[in-house]
Amino acid sequence: MSERTAHMHAQAQAQSGQHHPIRLYLVVWGLLFVLSAFSYMVDYLGMQGYLRWSLILLFMMLKAGLIVAVFMHMAWERLALVYAILLPPLLVLIFVALMVSESHYTIFTRLAFFGAAS
């Protein structure tokens, strides 16, 4: 009998779906607002160079992570599904970084052998 009741309980849970407290969504919305304010402050304070772009990219990634985790319910999915969705873009970023490093090698080699354009 216990297997039957467990099966019925699992079916009832599957039919009702996941319900998350509204407080969670309000907290995430508040965090998104704060991170956006920080991103605008980077421009307002006149930061330049690598610091500016590093901070903007950091805030952007944090906001995207919150949106994917909470609003797209990725935090409650199976780990295999999370890997299937997040791993390919991560590998693309790694390959882009490899191509950037190779492009620097290529331009330096061309400059060394052919000289700067006049």
Protein backbone atom coordinates (compact mmCIF):
# COMPACT_ATOMS: atom_id res chain seq x y z
CA MET A 1 0.00 0.00 0.00
CA SER A 2 2.80 2.45 0.73
CA GLU A 3 4.09 2.24 -2.84
CA ARG A 4 0.65 3.08 -4.14
CA THR A 5 0.28 6.10 -1.85
CA ALA A 6 3.77 7.30 -2.77
CA HIS A 7 2.89 6.97 -6.46
CA MET A 8 -0.37 8.87 -5.95
CA HIS A 9 1.50 11.58 -4.03
CA ALA A 10 4.06 11.90 -6.84
CA GLN A 11 1.24 12.19 -9.40
CA ALA A 12 -0.50 14.87 -7.36
CA GLN A 13 2.75 16.82 -7.11
CA ALA A 14 3.36 16.54 -10.85
CA GLN A 15 -0.16 17.78 -11.62
CA SER A 16 0.02 20.72 -9.22
CA GLY A 17 3.42 21.87 -10.53
CA GLN A 18 6.04 23.78 -8.61
CA HIS A 19 4.89 26.77 -6.64
CA HIS A 20 7.47 29.22 -5.37
CA PRO A 21 6.75 31.97 -2.87
CA ILE A 22 6.18 35.43 -4.33
CA ARG A 23 8.82 36.71 -1.92
CA LEU A 24 11.52 34.88 -3.90
CA TYR A 25 10.52 36.64 -7.11
CA LEU A 26 10.37 40.03 -5.39
CA VAL A 27 13.84 39.54 -3.86
CA VAL A 28 15.27 38.56 -7.25
CA TRP A 29 13.56 41.53 -8.88
CA GLY A 30 15.12 43.78 -6.23
CA LEU A 31 18.56 42.26 -6.83
CA LEU A 32 18.17 42.82 -10.57
CA PHE A 33 17.28 46.45 -9.89
CA VAL A 34 20.35 46.90 -7.64
CA LEU A 35 22.67 45.23 -10.17
CA SER A 36 21.28 47.46 -12.93
CA ALA A 37 21.87 50.50 -10.73
CA PHE A 38 25.48 49.39 -10.18
CA SER A 39 25.90 48.96 -13.93
CA TYR A 40 24.66 52.51 -14.54
CA MET A 41 26.90 53.81 -11.74
CA VAL A 42 29.93 52.50 -13.64
CA ASP A 43 29.09 54.94 -16.45
CA TYR A 44 27.99 57.71 -14.10
CA LEU A 45 31.28 57.61 -12.18
CA GLY A 46 33.20 57.76 -15.45
CA MET A 47 35.18 54.56 -15.08
CA GLN A 48 37.27 53.74 -18.14
CA GLY A 49 39.26 50.91 -19.65
CA TYR A 50 39.34 47.32 -18.49
CA LEU A 51 37.80 48.15 -15.11
CA ARG A 52 34.71 49.59 -16.77
CA TRP A 53 34.17 46.66 -19.11
CA SER A 54 34.97 44.09 -16.44
CA LEU A 55 32.38 45.55 -14.09
CA ILE A 56 29.74 45.88 -16.80
CA LEU A 57 30.28 42.27 -17.90
CA LEU A 58 30.25 41.06 -14.29
CA PHE A 59 26.94 42.77 -13.55
CA MET A 60 25.51 41.51 -16.85
CA MET A 61 26.47 37.91 -16.08
CA LEU A 62 25.06 38.13 -12.55
CA LYS A 63 21.76 39.46 -13.87
CA ALA A 64 21.59 36.79 -16.58
CA GLY A 65 22.35 34.10 -14.01
CA LEU A 66 19.57 35.28 -11.72
CA ILE A 67 17.08 35.41 -14.56
CA VAL A 68 17.99 31.94 -15.81
CA ALA A 69 18.07 30.40 -12.34
CA VAL A 70 14.85 31.82 -10.95
CA PHE A 71 12.57 33.14 -13.67
CA MET A 72 13.38 30.32 -16.09
CA HIS A 73 13.26 27.79 -13.18
CA MET A 74 16.71 26.41 -13.99
CA ALA A 75 17.57 26.19 -10.28
CA TRP A 76 14.93 23.48 -9.84
CA GLU A 77 15.82 21.38 -12.89
CA ARG A 78 17.87 18.22 -13.00
CA LEU A 79 21.62 18.66 -13.15
CA ALA A 80 21.81 16.89 -16.52
CA LEU A 81 19.44 19.44 -18.07
CA VAL A 82 21.38 22.32 -16.55
CA TYR A 83 24.60 20.93 -18.05
CA ALA A 84 22.90 20.40 -21.42
CA ILE A 85 21.83 24.05 -21.54
CA LEU A 86 24.78 25.84 -19.91
CA LEU A 87 27.74 23.76 -21.07
CA PRO A 88 27.58 24.54 -24.84
CA PRO A 89 27.70 28.35 -24.41
CA LEU A 90 30.56 27.94 -21.94
CA LEU A 91 32.50 25.87 -24.46
CA VAL A 92 31.80 28.49 -27.16
CA LEU A 93 33.28 31.15 -24.87
CA ILE A 94 36.36 29.01 -24.33
CA PHE A 95 36.78 28.54 -28.08
CA VAL A 96 36.36 32.27 -28.67
CA ALA A 97 39.09 32.96 -26.09
CA LEU A 98 41.36 30.50 -27.90
CA MET A 99 40.68 32.21 -31.23
CA VAL A 100 41.43 35.63 -29.73
CA SER A 101 44.77 34.44 -28.41
CA GLU A 102 45.57 32.90 -31.79
CA SER A 103 44.63 36.12 -33.58
CA HIS A 104 47.14 38.04 -31.44
CA TYR A 105 49.84 35.54 -32.36
CA THR A 106 48.94 35.85 -36.03
CA ILE A 107 49.04 39.67 -36.09
CA PHE A 108 52.34 39.79 -34.18
CA THR A 109 53.88 37.23 -36.56
CA ARG A 110 52.72 39.20 -39.61
CA LEU A 111 54.07 42.44 -38.18
CA ALA A 112 57.40 40.79 -37.40
CA PHE A 113 57.86 39.31 -40.88
CA PHE A 114 56.14 41.86 -43.12
CA GLY A 115 56.49 45.06 -41.07
CA ALA A 116 53.91 47.67 -40.29
CA ALA A 117 51.80 49.08 -43.13
CA SER A 118 52.90 52.54 -44.19
